[in-house]
Protein backbone atom coordinates (compact mmCIF):
# COMPACT_ATOMS: atom_id res chain seq x y z
CA MET A 1 2.21 -24.82 -22.70
CA ARG A 2 0.71 -27.08 -20.07
CA VAL A 3 2.01 -24.47 -17.61
CA PHE A 4 0.59 -21.39 -18.26
CA PRO A 5 -3.14 -22.57 -18.15
CA ALA A 6 -2.23 -24.36 -15.01
CA ILE A 7 -0.94 -21.00 -13.24
CA ALA A 8 -3.92 -19.34 -14.96
CA CYS A 9 -6.72 -21.45 -13.11
CA LEU A 10 -4.49 -21.21 -9.92
CA LEU A 11 -4.62 -17.09 -10.05
CA CYS A 12 -8.52 -17.41 -10.21
CA ALA A 13 -8.81 -19.90 -7.60
CA LEU A 14 -6.95 -17.65 -5.35
CA ALA A 15 -8.81 -14.68 -6.24
CA LEU A 16 -11.95 -16.44 -5.77
CA HIS A 17 -10.95 -16.83 -2.30
CA ALA A 18 -9.44 -13.84 -1.19
CA GLN A 19 -11.47 -11.44 0.66
CA LYS A 20 -12.18 -7.77 -0.09
CA ALA A 21 -12.76 -4.73 1.89
CA SER A 22 -16.08 -4.63 0.54
CA ASP A 23 -17.41 -8.16 1.91
CA PHE A 24 -17.28 -5.96 4.91
CA SER A 25 -19.40 -3.39 4.37
CA GLY A 26 -23.13 -2.86 5.42
CA THR A 27 -24.87 -3.36 9.12
CA TRP A 28 -24.12 -6.35 11.04
CA ARG A 29 -26.15 -7.78 14.13
CA VAL A 30 -23.88 -9.74 17.16
CA ASP A 31 -25.73 -12.87 17.52
CA PRO A 32 -25.58 -13.28 21.17
CA THR A 33 -26.56 -16.82 20.94
CA LYS A 34 -23.19 -17.61 19.39
CA VAL A 35 -21.00 -15.13 21.82
CA ILE A 36 -18.29 -17.14 23.22
CA ALA A 37 -15.73 -15.33 25.88
CA LYS A 38 -13.03 -16.55 27.95
CA VAL A 39 -11.94 -14.40 30.72
CA VAL A 40 -8.41 -15.37 32.43
CA ALA A 41 -6.94 -13.42 35.79
CA THR A 42 -3.17 -13.08 35.46
CA LYS A 43 -1.15 -14.65 38.15
CA ASN A 44 1.07 -12.16 39.73
CA PRO A 45 -0.39 -8.88 38.00
CA PRO A 46 1.87 -5.70 38.88
CA GLU A 47 1.14 -4.05 42.03
CA GLY A 48 -1.26 -0.88 41.70
CA ALA A 49 -3.00 -2.70 38.74
CA PRO A 50 -6.56 -2.10 38.76
CA ALA A 51 -9.11 -4.93 39.07
CA ILE A 52 -9.75 -7.43 36.33
CA PRO A 53 -13.17 -6.38 35.03
CA PRO A 54 -15.87 -8.74 35.12
CA PRO A 55 -17.04 -10.96 32.28
CA PRO A 56 -20.21 -9.38 30.42
CA PRO A 57 -22.98 -10.44 31.80
CA ALA A 58 -25.28 -13.08 30.26
CA ASP A 59 -27.53 -10.81 28.91
CA HIS A 60 -25.15 -8.42 27.53
CA GLU A 61 -25.48 -6.45 24.57
CA TYR A 62 -24.36 -4.94 21.20
CA SER A 63 -25.35 -2.61 19.10
CA LEU A 64 -25.76 -2.91 15.19
CA GLU A 65 -22.07 -2.77 13.97
CA GLN A 66 -21.93 -0.44 10.86
CA ILE A 67 -18.91 -0.51 8.81
CA ARG A 68 -18.65 1.29 5.86
CA VAL A 69 -15.88 1.32 3.22
CA SER A 70 -13.93 3.69 1.22
CA GLY A 71 -11.04 2.50 -1.13
CA GLN A 72 -9.72 -0.25 1.10
CA ILE A 73 -10.21 1.50 4.22
CA LEU A 74 -13.10 0.19 6.59
CA ARG A 75 -14.45 3.02 9.20
CA ILE A 76 -16.29 0.46 12.29
CA SER A 77 -18.57 2.09 14.03
CA GLY A 78 -20.88 -0.08 17.08
CA GLY A 79 -20.38 -3.54 18.64
CA GLU A 80 -20.54 -2.74 22.44
CA ALA A 81 -23.73 -1.25 23.42
CA GLY A 82 -23.30 2.43 24.20
CA THR A 83 -20.08 2.63 22.66
CA THR A 84 -19.70 5.76 20.66
CA ALA A 85 -15.75 4.61 19.36
CA VAL A 86 -15.30 4.52 15.39
CA TYR A 87 -12.74 2.07 14.54
CA THR A 88 -10.45 3.01 11.33
CA ILE A 89 -9.30 0.02 9.66
CA ASP A 90 -6.31 0.07 7.01
CA PRO A 91 -5.13 -3.21 5.60
CA SER A 92 -2.30 -1.32 3.80
CA GLY A 93 -0.74 -2.39 7.17
CA LYS A 94 -0.41 1.15 7.95
CA GLU A 95 -0.75 2.39 11.78
CA VAL A 96 -3.75 4.76 11.86
CA SER A 97 -5.21 5.97 15.50
CA ASP A 98 -8.44 6.69 16.50
CA SER A 99 -9.27 8.88 19.63
CA ILE A 100 -12.15 7.29 21.99
CA PRO A 101 -15.06 9.60 22.41
CA ASP A 102 -16.38 7.90 25.96
CA ALA A 103 -12.96 7.38 27.46
CA PRO A 104 -11.28 11.09 27.41
CA GLY A 105 -7.24 10.52 26.71
CA SER A 106 -8.27 7.17 25.42
CA VAL A 107 -6.57 6.26 21.71
CA ARG A 108 -6.30 2.89 19.95
CA VAL A 109 -3.54 2.62 17.57
CA ALA A 110 -3.60 -0.08 15.32
CA SER A 111 -1.95 -1.82 12.39
CA THR A 112 -3.90 -4.66 9.77
CA ARG A 113 -2.94 -6.68 7.18
CA TRP A 114 -4.51 -9.09 4.89
CA SER A 115 -4.08 -13.10 5.69
CA ASP A 116 -5.35 -15.98 3.75
CA GLY A 117 -8.63 -13.88 3.48
CA LYS A 118 -8.99 -12.34 6.58
CA LEU A 119 -8.20 -9.29 7.93
CA ILE A 120 -6.34 -9.18 11.12
CA THR A 121 -5.92 -6.32 13.17
CA GLU A 122 -3.07 -5.83 16.04
CA TRP A 123 -3.91 -2.66 18.55
CA LYS A 124 -3.25 -0.98 21.23
CA LEU A 125 -5.44 1.02 23.62
CA THR A 126 -3.91 4.26 25.47
CA ARG A 127 -4.93 6.21 28.06
CA ASN A 128 -2.71 9.33 28.60
CA GLY A 129 -0.11 7.82 26.79
CA GLU A 130 0.31 4.58 29.21
CA LEU A 131 -0.53 1.12 27.75
CA VAL A 132 -3.57 0.35 28.99
CA MET A 133 -4.41 -2.72 27.20
CA HIS A 134 -3.62 -4.67 23.65
CA GLY A 135 -4.90 -7.11 21.62
CA THR A 136 -5.39 -8.70 18.09
CA ASP A 137 -8.96 -8.64 16.32
CA THR A 138 -9.11 -11.61 13.23
CA ARG A 139 -12.33 -10.45 10.98
CA SER A 140 -12.94 -12.98 8.32
CA ILE A 141 -16.41 -13.62 6.20
CA ASN A 142 -17.75 -17.60 6.58
CA SER A 143 -19.65 -19.57 3.78
CA GLU A 144 -22.50 -18.81 5.62
CA GLY A 145 -22.09 -14.99 4.82
CA GLN A 146 -21.38 -14.53 8.87
CA GLN A 147 -18.71 -12.31 9.73
CA ILE A 148 -16.88 -13.62 12.61
CA VAL A 149 -14.40 -11.59 14.51
CA GLU A 150 -12.15 -13.72 16.61
CA ARG A 151 -9.98 -11.05 19.38
CA VAL A 152 -7.84 -11.45 22.29
CA ILE A 153 -7.24 -8.77 24.58
CA GLU A 154 -4.57 -8.28 27.19
CA SER A 155 -3.87 -5.95 29.86
CA PRO A 156 -1.30 -6.46 32.72
CA VAL A 157 -4.41 -8.24 34.79
CA HIS A 158 -6.43 -10.34 32.45
CA LYS A 159 -6.58 -12.21 29.28
CA ALA A 160 -9.43 -12.73 27.35
CA GLU A 161 -10.73 -14.65 24.59
CA VAL A 162 -13.97 -13.50 22.55
CA LYS A 163 -15.44 -14.87 19.71
CA LEU A 164 -18.44 -13.19 18.01
CA VAL A 165 -21.01 -14.04 15.14
CA LEU A 166 -22.29 -11.22 13.15
CA GLU A 167 -25.97 -12.02 10.26
CA LYS A 168 -25.64 -9.02 7.98
CA VAL A 169 -28.65 -6.78 8.35
CA ARG A 170 -28.33 -4.50 5.17
């Protein structure tokens, strides 16, 4: 009989710890003082590969990030200043594709899953059917209610690691 209450307590604790898609809903602002970005060039890039993109300038700007939730599906717009792309996050693991209006012929294909209260998105970016880059975005909400985005981006010429801290505006 003691096992049942212990299991019930454990399940309640796990439920309280787990994130929900609705936790990410709203308007978020990147705190530019907390952006961490590291870009490393590939040692032997393939011949004809484009030059490594420069790191963002110190005054790199981010627009407000809008996250709308419908059921368990998240639609994310904003982030990089001047970007009009809207990304779909489906935590069921189903692969989703989003075309990028600012880059004709470019498509972002991604699959997302929950892991320890975090949304893990593995994505690839193709342009005219060719792989341009791929990466992983990990989203979580910390104890202060901030959204943390940890991103790894890889291309034939570089690897970038970025950490963003976002404050909820509304």
